Amino acid sequence: MYHIYCDFDATVTVNDIWDKLFKEFGDPYAFKVWEKFNTGEYAAQQCITEACATVKNANAAVLKTMFEAEPLRKGFLEFVKFCADSNIKLTIVSDGFSIYIRTIFAKHGISIPYYANKVELTESGTLSAEFQHARESCRFCGACKCGTIMTTSADEDTIVYIGDGYSDHCPVEISDVVFARDMLSKFCSKSGIPYHPYEDFFVVRDILKKYLTERPKYKRLEATKKRKDLYKVE
């Protein structure tokens, strides 16, 4: 059985909503705090918490309008239907925020599972942050994508991953089939991880159709080994 895991910001959506949110409603410290992550002083959860605290007097209606205006990447809605019609599990794994993923999915009538940081607007107009999908041994993400993959997939599953950025580095190492764009494609090339380039979900769909026909139980040996190693760590 194929199980597809997909990043959200700048993958499902055209733009990085996290970035737009803090540029519009936060202050420069929301970006500067990540210097403490780079030095090892902070884990990702601490950076996200302090970034969220920079948001002041945000308005729910204004946020909703901004989120709903975000365009989806070409072919995503058709891809969701393709997965449903093909009986393929599609799961969103994001280090982004529940507040905008939920809003965007509601606008487009999308009903698929997603795992992200629980970030919501408070009555005072700032953002609260909870890390329901954190993994103790991972400092790189607030919502550990590898942890979600390991706990929601079966051993016999062929793991497909679709992404574009930094938080996708770890999950592509444990995935059998990888679709990468932007900086993630550079990481895959540097790390020797085979991947399919894509710019829209029509490309992803068409390539997966061939996999389903020609390699219904495809496994990448190095990815299988890394998944076993990750089980040992945990």
Foldseek 3Di string as FASTA:
>chain_A
DAAEEEEPACFQFVHGVVVVVCVVFFDPLLVVVCVCVVVVNAFAVVSNQVSLVRGFQADPVVVLVVLQPTHTFPCPVVLLVLCVVVVYAYEYEYLDEPSSVVSNCVSVVHDHHYAYWHWDADPRGTIHTDQPQDDPVHRHGSHQPLSCCLVPDDLQYQYEYEDEDDSCLVVLQLHFAYEYDHVNVVSCVVVVRDYHYDRGCVVVSVVVVCCCVPPVRGGDVRNSVVSVVVVVVD
